[in-house]
C-alpha atoms as a PDB file:
ATOM      1  CA  UNK A   1      22.528 -28.299 111.464  1.00  0.00           C
ATOM      2  CA  UNK A   2      23.287 -25.699 108.815  1.00  0.00           C
ATOM      3  CA  UNK A   3      23.754 -26.312 105.100  1.00  0.00           C
ATOM      4  CA  UNK A   4      27.389 -25.285 105.120  1.00  0.00           C
ATOM      5  CA  UNK A   5      28.412 -27.425 108.206  1.00  0.00           C
ATOM      6  CA  UNK A   6      26.354 -30.397 106.039  1.00  0.00           C
ATOM      7  CA  UNK A   7      28.548 -29.359 103.066  1.00  0.00           C
ATOM      8  CA  UNK A   8      32.101 -29.554 105.287  1.00  0.00           C
ATOM      9  CA  UNK A   9      31.114 -32.732 106.368  1.00  0.00           C
ATOM     10  CA  UNK A  10      30.343 -34.517 103.276  1.00  0.00           C
ATOM     11  CA  UNK A  11      33.337 -32.989 101.767  1.00  0.00           C
ATOM     12  CA  UNK A  12      35.726 -33.887 104.706  1.00  0.00           C
ATOM     13  CA  UNK A  13      33.846 -37.934 103.895  1.00  0.00           C
ATOM     14  CA  UNK A  14      34.630 -37.602 100.437  1.00  0.00           C
ATOM     15  CA  UNK A  15      38.042 -36.220 100.848  1.00  0.00           C
ATOM     16  CA  UNK A  16      39.044 -39.038 102.840  1.00  0.00           C
ATOM     17  CA  UNK A  17      37.073 -41.089 100.449  1.00  0.00           C
ATOM     18  CA  UNK A  18      39.564 -40.313  97.521  1.00  0.00           C
ATOM     19  CA  UNK A  19      42.671 -40.805 100.065  1.00  0.00           C
ATOM     20  CA  UNK A  20      41.623 -43.901 100.627  1.00  0.00           C
ATOM     21  CA  UNK A  21      41.282 -45.012  96.670  1.00  0.00           C
ATOM     22  CA  UNK A  22      44.588 -42.885  96.166  1.00  0.00           C
ATOM     23  CA  UNK A  23      45.853 -45.736  98.662  1.00  0.00           C
ATOM     24  CA  UNK A  24      44.216 -48.999  97.142  1.00  0.00           C
ATOM     25  CA  UNK A  25      45.077 -47.535  93.494  1.00  0.00           C
ATOM     26  CA  UNK A  26      48.675 -45.969  94.022  1.00  0.00           C
ATOM     27  CA  UNK A  27      49.954 -48.946  96.527  1.00  0.00           C
ATOM     28  CA  UNK A  28      51.555 -50.217  93.230  1.00  0.00           C
ATOM     29  CA  UNK A  29      54.028 -47.207  93.464  1.00  0.00           C
ATOM     30  CA  UNK A  30      55.571 -48.409  96.539  1.00  0.00           C
ATOM     31  CA  UNK A  31      55.475 -52.339  96.087  1.00  0.00           C
ATOM     32  CA  UNK A  32      55.126 -53.591  92.478  1.00  0.00           C
ATOM     33  CA  UNK A  33      58.670 -53.859  91.661  1.00  0.00           C
ATOM     34  CA  UNK A  34      59.330 -55.568  95.673  1.00  0.00           C
ATOM     35  CA  UNK A  35      56.528 -58.064  95.134  1.00  0.00           C
ATOM     36  CA  UNK A  36      57.147 -59.061  91.238  1.00  0.00           C
ATOM     37  CA  UNK A  37      60.966 -59.632  92.619  1.00  0.00           C
ATOM     38  CA  UNK A  38      60.179 -61.468  95.218  1.00  0.00           C
ATOM     39  CA  UNK A  39      62.261 -58.946  97.276  1.00  0.00           C
ATOM     40  CA  UNK A  40      59.016 -58.974  99.563  1.00  0.00           C
ATOM     41  CA  UNK A  41      55.862 -60.837 100.291  1.00  0.00           C
ATOM     42  CA  UNK A  42      52.620 -59.362  99.174  1.00  0.00           C
ATOM     43  CA  UNK A  43      51.582 -59.130 102.795  1.00  0.00           C
ATOM     44  CA  UNK A  44      54.897 -57.863 104.130  1.00  0.00           C
ATOM     45  CA  UNK A  45      54.726 -55.243 101.339  1.00  0.00           C
ATOM     46  CA  UNK A  46      51.328 -54.198 101.944  1.00  0.00           C
ATOM     47  CA  UNK A  47      52.111 -53.726 105.417  1.00  0.00           C
ATOM     48  CA  UNK A  48      55.246 -51.950 105.102  1.00  0.00           C
ATOM     49  CA  UNK A  49      54.100 -49.670 102.462  1.00  0.00           C
ATOM     50  CA  UNK A  50      50.900 -48.826 104.711  1.00  0.00           C
ATOM     51  CA  UNK A  51      53.185 -48.163 107.291  1.00  0.00           C
ATOM     52  CA  UNK A  52      55.268 -46.003 105.713  1.00  0.00           C
ATOM     53  CA  UNK A  53      52.483 -43.808 104.017  1.00  0.00           C
ATOM     54  CA  UNK A  54      51.368 -43.303 107.484  1.00  0.00           C
ATOM     55  CA  UNK A  55      54.751 -41.856 108.411  1.00  0.00           C
ATOM     56  CA  UNK A  56      55.469 -39.855 105.085  1.00  0.00           C
ATOM     57  CA  UNK A  57      52.011 -38.241 105.281  1.00  0.00           C
ATOM     58  CA  UNK A  58      53.388 -36.337 108.573  1.00  0.00           C
ATOM     59  CA  UNK A  59      56.558 -35.088 107.397  1.00  0.00           C
ATOM     60  CA  UNK A  60      55.466 -31.759 105.444  1.00  0.00           C
ATOM     61  CA  UNK A  61      53.173 -29.333 104.334  1.00  0.00           C
ATOM     62  CA  UNK A  62      54.364 -27.888 101.506  1.00  0.00           C
ATOM     63  CA  UNK A  63      52.280 -29.857  98.705  1.00  0.00           C
ATOM     64  CA  UNK A  64      48.933 -29.638 101.018  1.00  0.00           C
ATOM     65  CA  UNK A  65      49.712 -25.579 100.893  1.00  0.00           C
ATOM     66  CA  UNK A  66      49.848 -25.582  96.977  1.00  0.00           C
ATOM     67  CA  UNK A  67      46.874 -27.415  96.444  1.00  0.00           C
ATOM     68  CA  UNK A  68      45.011 -25.845  99.215  1.00  0.00           C
ATOM     69  CA  UNK A  69      45.685 -21.948  97.727  1.00  0.00           C
ATOM     70  CA  UNK A  70      47.293 -22.429  94.257  1.00  0.00           C
ATOM     71  CA  UNK A  71      45.000 -24.145  92.052  1.00  0.00           C
ATOM     72  CA  UNK A  72      41.854 -22.269  92.429  1.00  0.00           C
ATOM     73  CA  UNK A  73      40.852 -18.841  94.291  1.00  0.00           C
ATOM     74  CA  UNK A  74      37.639 -17.336  95.708  1.00  0.00           C
ATOM     75  CA  UNK A  75      36.742 -20.803  97.186  1.00  0.00           C
ATOM     76  CA  UNK A  76      34.149 -19.643  99.833  1.00  0.00           C
ATOM     77  CA  UNK A  77      31.297 -20.160 101.232  1.00  0.00           C
ATOM     78  CA  UNK A  78      28.695 -22.465  99.576  1.00  0.00           C
ATOM     79  CA  UNK A  79      30.160 -21.709  96.289  1.00  0.00           C
ATOM     80  CA  UNK A  80      33.649 -23.175  97.270  1.00  0.00           C
ATOM     81  CA  UNK A  81      32.477 -26.415  99.045  1.00  0.00           C
ATOM     82  CA  UNK A  82      30.268 -27.478  96.196  1.00  0.00           C
ATOM     83  CA  UNK A  83      33.434 -27.034  94.022  1.00  0.00           C
ATOM     84  CA  UNK A  84      35.396 -28.571  96.029  1.00  0.00           C
ATOM     85  CA  UNK A  85      33.125 -31.645  96.534  1.00  0.00           C
ATOM     86  CA  UNK A  86      32.563 -31.834  92.478  1.00  0.00           C
ATOM     87  CA  UNK A  87      36.659 -31.923  92.163  1.00  0.00           C
ATOM     88  CA  UNK A  88      36.796 -34.757  94.608  1.00  0.00           C
ATOM     89  CA  UNK A  89      33.895 -36.967  92.923  1.00  0.00           C
ATOM     90  CA  UNK A  90      35.325 -36.475  89.364  1.00  0.00           C
ATOM     91  CA  UNK A  91      38.776 -37.705  91.057  1.00  0.00           C
ATOM     92  CA  UNK A  92      37.194 -40.446  92.856  1.00  0.00           C
ATOM     93  CA  UNK A  93      35.161 -41.972  89.448  1.00  0.00           C
ATOM     94  CA  UNK A  94      38.734 -41.277  87.697  1.00  0.00           C
ATOM     95  CA  UNK A  95      40.482 -43.353  90.334  1.00  0.00           C
ATOM     96  CA  UNK A  96      38.037 -46.305  90.135  1.00  0.00           C
ATOM     97  CA  UNK A  97      37.480 -46.045  86.395  1.00  0.00           C
ATOM     98  CA  UNK A  98      41.595 -46.521  86.025  1.00  0.00           C
ATOM     99  CA  UNK A  99      41.668 -48.715  88.694  1.00  0.00           C
ATOM    100  CA  UNK A 100      39.178 -51.503  87.024  1.00  0.00           C
ATOM    101  CA  UNK A 101      41.624 -50.751  84.044  1.00  0.00           C
ATOM    102  CA  UNK A 102      44.621 -51.492  85.373  1.00  0.00           C
ATOM    103  CA  UNK A 103      46.211 -48.253  84.585  1.00  0.00           C
ATOM    104  CA  UNK A 104      48.895 -46.683  86.600  1.00  0.00           C
ATOM    105  CA  UNK A 105      47.370 -42.929  86.537  1.00  0.00           C
ATOM    106  CA  UNK A 106      47.897 -40.151  88.588  1.00  0.00           C
ATOM    107  CA  UNK A 107      45.464 -39.898  91.620  1.00  0.00           C
ATOM    108  CA  UNK A 108      47.422 -36.218  92.044  1.00  0.00           C
ATOM    109  CA  UNK A 109      46.461 -35.289  88.899  1.00  0.00           C
ATOM    110  CA  UNK A 110      43.163 -36.527  89.012  1.00  0.00           C
ATOM    111  CA  UNK A 111      42.557 -34.456  91.689  1.00  0.00           C
ATOM    112  CA  UNK A 112      43.981 -31.547  90.076  1.00  0.00           C
ATOM    113  CA  UNK A 113      41.938 -31.843  86.821  1.00  0.00           C
ATOM    114  CA  UNK A 114      38.707 -31.954  89.261  1.00  0.00           C
ATOM    115  CA  UNK A 115      39.484 -28.895  90.667  1.00  0.00           C
ATOM    116  CA  UNK A 116      40.107 -27.407  87.596  1.00  0.00           C
ATOM    117  CA  UNK A 117      37.391 -28.118  85.888  1.00  0.00           C
ATOM    118  CA  UNK A 118      34.896 -27.591  88.722  1.00  0.00           C
ATOM    119  CA  UNK A 119      36.706 -24.094  88.543  1.00  0.00           C
ATOM    120  CA  UNK A 120      36.248 -23.695  85.244  1.00  0.00           C
ATOM    121  CA  UNK A 121      32.176 -24.786  85.130  1.00  0.00           C
ATOM    122  CA  UNK A 122      31.537 -22.271  87.846  1.00  0.00           C
ATOM    123  CA  UNK A 123      33.758 -19.398  86.098  1.00  0.00           C
ATOM    124  CA  UNK A 124      35.779 -19.215  89.493  1.00  0.00           C
ATOM    125  CA  UNK A 125      39.655 -18.038  89.213  1.00  0.00           C
ATOM    126  CA  UNK A 126      41.374 -20.735  88.065  1.00  0.00           C
ATOM    127  CA  UNK A 127      45.376 -20.154  88.553  1.00  0.00           C
ATOM    128  CA  UNK A 128      46.679 -21.062  85.472  1.00  0.00           C
ATOM    129  CA  UNK A 129      50.399 -19.885  85.936  1.00  0.00           C
ATOM    130  CA  UNK A 130      50.583 -21.702  89.173  1.00  0.00           C
ATOM    131  CA  UNK A 131      48.981 -24.816  87.027  1.00  0.00           C
ATOM    132  CA  UNK A 132      51.716 -24.009  84.613  1.00  0.00           C
ATOM    133  CA  UNK A 133      54.815 -23.795  86.978  1.00  0.00           C
ATOM    134  CA  UNK A 134      53.598 -26.315  89.600  1.00  0.00           C
ATOM    135  CA  UNK A 135      51.144 -28.934  87.986  1.00  0.00           C
ATOM    136  CA  UNK A 136      52.481 -28.872  84.180  1.00  0.00           C
ATOM    137  CA  UNK A 137      56.171 -28.345  83.971  1.00  0.00           C
ATOM    138  CA  UNK A 138      56.747 -31.007  87.039  1.00  0.00           C
ATOM    139  CA  UNK A 139      54.369 -33.169  85.191  1.00  0.00           C
ATOM    140  CA  UNK A 140      56.838 -33.409  82.164  1.00  0.00           C
ATOM    141  CA  UNK A 141      59.826 -33.011  83.302  1.00  0.00           C
ATOM    142  CA  UNK A 142      59.931 -35.498  86.402  1.00  0.00           C
ATOM    143  CA  UNK A 143      59.082 -38.630  84.051  1.00  0.00           C
ATOM    144  CA  UNK A 144      61.633 -37.686  81.938  1.00  0.00           C
ATOM    145  CA  UNK A 145      64.152 -37.271  84.682  1.00  0.00           C
ATOM    146  CA  UNK A 146      63.285 -40.469  86.289  1.00  0.00           C
ATOM    147  CA  UNK A 147      63.757 -42.176  82.936  1.00  0.00           C
ATOM    148  CA  UNK A 148      67.153 -40.692  82.475  1.00  0.00           C
ATOM    149  CA  UNK A 149      68.066 -41.046  85.814  1.00  0.00           C
ATOM    150  CA  UNK A 150      67.094 -44.610  86.590  1.00  0.00           C
ATOM    151  CA  UNK A 151      69.078 -45.528  83.384  1.00  0.00           C
ATOM    152  CA  UNK A 152      72.313 -44.135  84.519  1.00  0.00           C
ATOM    153  CA  UNK A 153      72.041 -45.420  87.980  1.00  0.00           C
ATOM    154  CA  UNK A 154      71.109 -48.685  86.852  1.00  0.00           C
ATOM    155  CA  UNK A 155      74.436 -48.402  83.767  1.00  0.00           C
ATOM    156  CA  UNK A 156      76.359 -47.930  87.168  1.00  0.00           C
ATOM    157  CA  UNK A 157      75.417 -50.951  89.037  1.00  0.00           C
ATOM    158  CA  UNK A 158      75.717 -52.897  85.925  1.00  0.00           C
ATOM    159  CA  UNK A 159      79.447 -51.891  85.494  1.00  0.00           C
ATOM    160  CA  UNK A 160      79.982 -52.150  89.534  1.00  0.00           C
ATOM    161  CA  UNK A 161      78.878 -55.368  89.704  1.00  0.00           C
ATOM    162  CA  UNK A 162      79.799 -56.305  85.892  1.00  0.00           C
ATOM    163  CA  UNK A 163      82.516 -59.058  87.654  1.00  0.00           C
ATOM    164  CA  UNK A 164      80.235 -60.352  90.625  1.00  0.00           C
ATOM    165  CA  UNK A 165      78.226 -63.652  90.710  1.00  0.00           C
ATOM    166  CA  UNK A 166      74.413 -63.335  89.542  1.00  0.00           C
ATOM    167  CA  UNK A 167      73.250 -65.411  93.035  1.00  0.00           C
ATOM    168  CA  UNK A 168      75.073 -63.353  95.435  1.00  0.00           C
ATOM    169  CA  UNK A 169      74.279 -59.775  93.337  1.00  0.00           C
ATOM    170  CA  UNK A 170      70.246 -60.326  93.215  1.00  0.00           C
ATOM    171  CA  UNK A 171      69.990 -61.495  96.797  1.00  0.00           C
ATOM    172  CA  UNK A 172      71.662 -58.595  97.900  1.00  0.00           C
ATOM    173  CA  UNK A 173      69.535 -56.332  95.711  1.00  0.00           C
ATOM    174  CA  UNK A 174      66.363 -58.162  97.032  1.00  0.00           C
ATOM    175  CA  UNK A 175      67.679 -56.792 100.823  1.00  0.00           C
ATOM    176  CA  UNK A 176      68.148 -53.427  99.403  1.00  0.00           C
ATOM    177  CA  UNK A 177      64.503 -53.471  98.228  1.00  0.00           C
ATOM    178  CA  UNK A 178      63.241 -53.498 100.993  1.00  0.00           C
ATOM    179  CA  UNK A 179      64.753 -50.268 101.896  1.00  0.00           C
ATOM    180  CA  UNK A 180      64.168 -48.519  98.328  1.00  0.00           C
ATOM    181  CA  UNK A 181      60.157 -49.558  98.533  1.00  0.00           C
ATOM    182  CA  UNK A 182      60.260 -47.941 102.059  1.00  0.00           C
ATOM    183  CA  UNK A 183      61.654 -44.927 100.768  1.00  0.00           C
ATOM    184  CA  UNK A 184      58.907 -45.067  98.065  1.00  0.00           C
ATOM    185  CA  UNK A 185      56.593 -45.590 100.085  1.00  0.00           C
ATOM    186  CA  UNK A 186      57.743 -42.381 102.281  1.00  0.00           C
ATOM    187  CA  UNK A 187      57.493 -40.546  99.509  1.00  0.00           C
ATOM    188  CA  UNK A 188      54.005 -41.493  98.360  1.00  0.00           C
ATOM    189  CA  UNK A 189      53.034 -40.240 102.138  1.00  0.00           C
ATOM    190  CA  UNK A 190      54.895 -37.261 101.767  1.00  0.00           C
ATOM    191  CA  UNK A 191      53.184 -36.417  98.087  1.00  0.00           C
ATOM    192  CA  UNK A 192      49.839 -37.912  98.214  1.00  0.00           C
ATOM    193  CA  UNK A 193      48.279 -37.522 101.464  1.00  0.00           C
ATOM    194  CA  UNK A 194      49.394 -33.720 101.700  1.00  0.00           C
ATOM    195  CA  UNK A 195      46.621 -33.342  98.607  1.00  0.00           C
ATOM    196  CA  UNK A 196      44.026 -34.875 100.635  1.00  0.00           C
ATOM    197  CA  UNK A 197      44.724 -32.484 103.410  1.00  0.00           C
ATOM    198  CA  UNK A 198      45.289 -29.657 101.359  1.00  0.00           C
ATOM    199  CA  UNK A 199      41.607 -30.419 100.094  1.00  0.00           C
ATOM    200  CA  UNK A 200      40.077 -31.048 103.820  1.00  0.00           C
ATOM    201  CA  UNK A 201      41.352 -27.347 104.650  1.00  0.00           C
ATOM    202  CA  UNK A 202      40.278 -25.823 101.766  1.00  0.00           C
ATOM    203  CA  UNK A 203      36.789 -27.346 103.038  1.00  0.00           C
ATOM    204  CA  UNK A 204      36.750 -26.038 106.257  1.00  0.00           C
ATOM    205  CA  UNK A 205      37.788 -22.403 105.190  1.00  0.00           C
ATOM    206  CA  UNK A 206      34.975 -22.127 103.099  1.00  0.00           C
ATOM    207  CA  UNK A 207      32.574 -23.409 105.441  1.00  0.00           C
ATOM    208  CA  UNK A 208      34.262 -20.899 107.898  1.00  0.00           C
ATOM    209  CA  UNK A 209      35.390 -23.606 110.497  1.00  0.00           C
ATOM    210  CA  UNK A 210      38.830 -22.760 109.878  1.00  0.00           C
ATOM    211  CA  UNK A 211      41.356 -19.531 109.266  1.00  0.00           C
ATOM    212  CA  UNK A 212      44.543 -19.699 107.098  1.00  0.00           C
ATOM    213  CA  UNK A 213      46.206 -22.494 105.379  1.00  0.00           C
ATOM    214  CA  UNK A 214      47.750 -24.171 108.138  1.00  0.00           C
ATOM    215  CA  UNK A 215      47.199 -28.032 108.613  1.00  0.00           C
ATOM    216  CA  UNK A 216      45.416 -28.910 111.762  1.00  0.00           C
ATOM    217  CA  UNK A 217      46.762 -32.161 113.450  1.00  0.00           C
ATOM    218  CA  UNK A 218      43.062 -33.958 113.160  1.00  0.00           C
ATOM    219  CA  UNK A 219      43.454 -33.465 109.368  1.00  0.00           C
ATOM    220  CA  UNK A 220      47.297 -34.947 109.196  1.00  0.00           C
ATOM    221  CA  UNK A 221      45.806 -37.857 111.053  1.00  0.00           C
ATOM    222  CA  UNK A 222      42.737 -38.754 109.071  1.00  0.00           C
ATOM    223  CA  UNK A 223      44.435 -38.063 105.763  1.00  0.00           C
ATOM    224  CA  UNK A 224      47.410 -40.220 106.662  1.00  0.00           C
ATOM    225  CA  UNK A 225      45.231 -43.065 108.512  1.00  0.00           C
ATOM    226  CA  UNK A 226      42.862 -43.308 105.120  1.00  0.00           C
ATOM    227  CA  UNK A 227      45.859 -43.672 102.548  1.00  0.00           C
ATOM    228  CA  UNK A 228      47.235 -46.093 104.522  1.00  0.00           C
ATOM    229  CA  UNK A 229      44.323 -48.340 105.174  1.00  0.00           C
ATOM    230  CA  UNK A 230      43.605 -47.927 101.339  1.00  0.00           C
ATOM    231  CA  UNK A 231      47.170 -48.893 100.448  1.00  0.00           C
ATOM    232  CA  UNK A 232      46.768 -52.038 103.009  1.00  0.00           C
ATOM    233  CA  UNK A 233      44.336 -53.318 101.069  1.00  0.00           C
ATOM    234  CA  UNK A 234      46.522 -52.846  97.694  1.00  0.00           C
ATOM    235  CA  UNK A 235      45.787 -52.321  93.904  1.00  0.00           C
ATOM    236  CA  UNK A 236      46.517 -55.844  92.395  1.00  0.00           C
ATOM    237  CA  UNK A 237      45.511 -54.664  89.013  1.00  0.00           C
ATOM    238  CA  UNK A 238      47.698 -52.060  88.709  1.00  0.00           C
ATOM    239  CA  UNK A 239      50.398 -53.868  90.765  1.00  0.00           C
ATOM    240  CA  UNK A 240      50.238 -56.767  88.016  1.00  0.00           C
ATOM    241  CA  UNK A 241      50.489 -53.623  85.286  1.00  0.00           C
ATOM    242  CA  UNK A 242      53.905 -52.144  86.554  1.00  0.00           C
ATOM    243  CA  UNK A 243      55.382 -55.237  88.171  1.00  0.00           C
ATOM    244  CA  UNK A 244      54.936 -57.588  85.493  1.00  0.00           C
ATOM    245  CA  UNK A 245      53.284 -56.263  82.266  1.00  0.00           C
ATOM    246  CA  UNK A 246      55.901 -53.194  81.926  1.00  0.00           C
ATOM    247  CA  UNK A 247      59.182 -55.397  81.567  1.00  0.00           C
ATOM    248  CA  UNK A 248      60.084 -58.193  83.439  1.00  0.00           C
ATOM    249  CA  UNK A 249      62.319 -57.365  86.233  1.00  0.00           C
ATOM    250  CA  UNK A 250      65.040 -58.252  88.129  1.00  0.00           C
ATOM    251  CA  UNK A 251      66.163 -57.174  91.801  1.00  0.00           C
ATOM    252  CA  UNK A 252      68.976 -54.757  90.469  1.00  0.00           C
ATOM    253  CA  UNK A 253      66.449 -53.096  88.310  1.00  0.00           C
ATOM    254  CA  UNK A 254      63.993 -52.591  90.757  1.00  0.00           C
ATOM    255  CA  UNK A 255      66.363 -51.421  93.210  1.00  0.00           C
ATOM    256  CA  UNK A 256      67.457 -48.905  90.639  1.00  0.00           C
ATOM    257  CA  UNK A 257      63.759 -47.627  89.498  1.00  0.00           C
ATOM    258  CA  UNK A 258      62.653 -47.260  93.629  1.00  0.00           C
ATOM    259  CA  UNK A 259      65.576 -45.818  94.472  1.00  0.00           C
ATOM    260  CA  UNK A 260      65.156 -42.840  91.254  1.00  0.00           C
ATOM    261  CA  UNK A 261      61.704 -42.612  92.049  1.00  0.00           C
ATOM    262  CA  UNK A 262      61.671 -41.758  95.373  1.00  0.00           C
ATOM    263  CA  UNK A 263      64.483 -39.145  95.289  1.00  0.00           C
ATOM    264  CA  UNK A 264      62.243 -37.493  92.751  1.00  0.00           C
ATOM    265  CA  UNK A 265      59.177 -37.485  94.799  1.00  0.00           C
ATOM    266  CA  UNK A 266      61.272 -36.125  97.687  1.00  0.00           C
ATOM    267  CA  UNK A 267      63.051 -33.361  95.961  1.00  0.00           C
ATOM    268  CA  UNK A 268      60.144 -31.597  94.168  1.00  0.00           C
ATOM    269  CA  UNK A 269      57.891 -32.229  97.558  1.00  0.00           C
ATOM    270  CA  UNK A 270      60.671 -30.190 100.034  1.00  0.00           C
ATOM    271  CA  UNK A 271      62.556 -28.151  97.529  1.00  0.00           C
ATOM    272  CA  UNK A 272      59.298 -26.956  95.361  1.00  0.00           C
ATOM    273  CA  UNK A 273      56.078 -27.991  96.958  1.00  0.00           C
ATOM    274  CA  UNK A 274      55.279 -29.303  93.767  1.00  0.00           C
ATOM    275  CA  UNK A 275      52.238 -31.840  93.410  1.00  0.00           C
ATOM    276  CA  UNK A 276      53.914 -34.419  91.358  1.00  0.00           C
ATOM    277  CA  UNK A 277      52.843 -37.940  90.637  1.00  0.00           C
ATOM    278  CA  UNK A 278      54.035 -40.743  92.474  1.00  0.00           C
ATOM    279  CA  UNK A 279      52.646 -43.237  89.549  1.00  0.00           C
ATOM    280  CA  UNK A 280      54.778 -41.055  86.507  1.00  0.00           C
ATOM    281  CA  UNK A 281      57.912 -41.354  88.851  1.00  0.00           C
ATOM    282  CA  UNK A 282      57.815 -44.947  88.968  1.00  0.00           C
ATOM    283  CA  UNK A 283      56.634 -45.626  86.150  1.00  0.00           C
ATOM    284  CA  UNK A 284      59.301 -43.713  84.070  1.00  0.00           C
ATOM    285  CA  UNK A 285      62.019 -45.225  86.533  1.00  0.00           C
ATOM    286  CA  UNK A 286      61.105 -48.683  85.523  1.00  0.00           C
ATOM    287  CA  UNK A 287      61.421 -48.017  81.954  1.00  0.00           C
ATOM    288  CA  UNK A 288      64.506 -46.350  82.430  1.00  0.00           C
ATOM    289  CA  UNK A 289      65.960 -49.369  84.472  1.00  0.00           C
ATOM    290  CA  UNK A 290      64.671 -51.698  81.666  1.00  0.00           C
ATOM    291  CA  UNK A 291      65.674 -50.202  79.092  1.00  0.00           C
ATOM    292  CA  UNK A 292      69.614 -50.797  80.159  1.00  0.00           C
ATOM    293  CA  UNK A 293      68.395 -54.275  79.248  1.00  0.00           C
ATOM    294  CA  UNK A 294      67.954 -54.040  75.514  1.00  0.00           C
ATOM    295  CA  UNK A 295      65.206 -51.684  73.812  1.00  0.00           C
ATOM    296  CA  UNK A 296      63.089 -54.321  73.123  1.00  0.00           C
ATOM    297  CA  UNK A 297      62.779 -55.389  76.778  1.00  0.00           C
ATOM    298  CA  UNK A 298      60.023 -52.733  77.437  1.00  0.00           C
ATOM    299  CA  UNK A 299      56.571 -53.561  76.654  1.00  0.00           C
ATOM    300  CA  UNK A 300      56.246 -50.252  74.246  1.00  0.00           C
ATOM    301  CA  UNK A 301      52.274 -51.513  73.607  1.00  0.00           C
ATOM    302  CA  UNK A 302      51.594 -51.438  77.342  1.00  0.00           C
ATOM    303  CA  UNK A 303      53.617 -47.498  77.563  1.00  0.00           C
ATOM    304  CA  UNK A 304      51.489 -46.272  75.274  1.00  0.00           C
ATOM    305  CA  UNK A 305      48.340 -47.296  77.071  1.00  0.00           C
ATOM    306  CA  UNK A 306      49.893 -46.077  80.175  1.00  0.00           C
ATOM    307  CA  UNK A 307      50.795 -42.573  78.521  1.00  0.00           C
ATOM    308  CA  UNK A 308      47.174 -42.157  76.739  1.00  0.00           C
ATOM    309  CA  UNK A 309      45.810 -42.364  80.315  1.00  0.00           C
ATOM    310  CA  UNK A 310      48.207 -39.750  81.794  1.00  0.00           C
ATOM    311  CA  UNK A 311      47.255 -37.589  78.947  1.00  0.00           C
ATOM    312  CA  UNK A 312      43.790 -37.965  79.633  1.00  0.00           C
ATOM    313  CA  UNK A 313      43.488 -37.588  83.584  1.00  0.00           C
ATOM    314  CA  UNK A 314      43.334 -33.839  83.945  1.00  0.00           C
ATOM    315  CA  UNK A 315      40.811 -33.655  81.305  1.00  0.00           C
ATOM    316  CA  UNK A 316      38.737 -36.626  82.147  1.00  0.00           C
ATOM    317  CA  UNK A 317      38.599 -36.097  85.935  1.00  0.00           C
ATOM    318  CA  UNK A 318      37.777 -32.144  85.026  1.00  0.00           C
ATOM    319  CA  UNK A 319      34.741 -33.293  82.637  1.00  0.00           C
ATOM    320  CA  UNK A 320      33.213 -35.401  85.217  1.00  0.00           C
ATOM    321  CA  UNK A 321      33.838 -32.585  88.046  1.00  0.00           C
ATOM    322  CA  UNK A 322      32.493 -30.316  85.243  1.00  0.00           C
ATOM    323  CA  UNK A 323      29.154 -32.073  85.031  1.00  0.00           C
ATOM    324  CA  UNK A 324      29.151 -32.794  88.584  1.00  0.00           C
ATOM    325  CA  UNK A 325      29.349 -28.803  89.755  1.00  0.00           C
ATOM    326  CA  UNK A 326      26.354 -28.321  87.228  1.00  0.00           C
ATOM    327  CA  UNK A 327      24.347 -30.981  88.703  1.00  0.00           C
ATOM    328  CA  UNK A 328      25.026 -29.625  92.906  1.00  0.00           C
ATOM    329  CA  UNK A 329      24.478 -26.379  91.716  1.00  0.00           C
ATOM    330  CA  UNK A 330      21.098 -27.269  90.278  1.00  0.00           C
ATOM    331  CA  UNK A 331      20.106 -29.011  93.598  1.00  0.00           C
ATOM    332  CA  UNK A 332      21.836 -26.951  96.347  1.00  0.00           C
ATOM    333  CA  UNK A 333      20.715 -23.406  96.813  1.00  0.00           C
ATOM    334  CA  UNK A 334      23.978 -20.911  96.918  1.00  0.00           C
END
């Protein structure tokens, strides 16, 4: 077996491992609000999220192509494989650390940070203009948009249903949350599974086993399956943070948050091919919907911890990937 083939296989396995950690780390994105408001039981919610993640992963390739060709240039041969391997290790370790701490950080930004860190360490061409346009600006804009839209949607719901009895209204929104949670899970698969597809294609091209940035069917199926399996195992630490510690949710606010966050995911994926964070989208939407109750309803101490983790994700994963690149490049001849 050639060294290129061996490294390529290792990278593919690591990429699917990252996809799995993405699934259990980000399962909360799709189901936390529905579980907390008792619209769905935990087991049913996880199963539904896993199936919808699988379907969502097959709906497009725009985000995968952005990850595959838009972050670091010149990823060819052993040099490219070592960069991708280092990036994946950085992203996986950051995912595991933040899961252990119960912080709903972005797996997407962990992967992008890993690619950036390994790219800088290897003196490769990091495409800063693409990162600014496709990563940095959406990273700032999408949570703001999610917060504002969720606030407005929830305010409209409160006005429309102001004369309705709370009991029947809550039961109706619990049913509606089944649809909004499914939409959120589809959006998660559409965004996050595609990032793994892009990384696997980078490795195949670098190893000389694929030409172009087209996504082979087996890559789509493998990435979709890994993220779905991870989602089914769930991430209960993060589910508790999003579902209960951030704000006390009711069915109407859960529906508003999920509906807005999923809309942001679809718009950025289909219209801009931008790899945004599903975690940031749903967290900001939960805060926006919750802010209609009263300002003190949002637990700002938890918000500060989450925002701090958001800020640290790209540099944190990048530093780990940078160190990993120095280690593997010293061991593997290239």
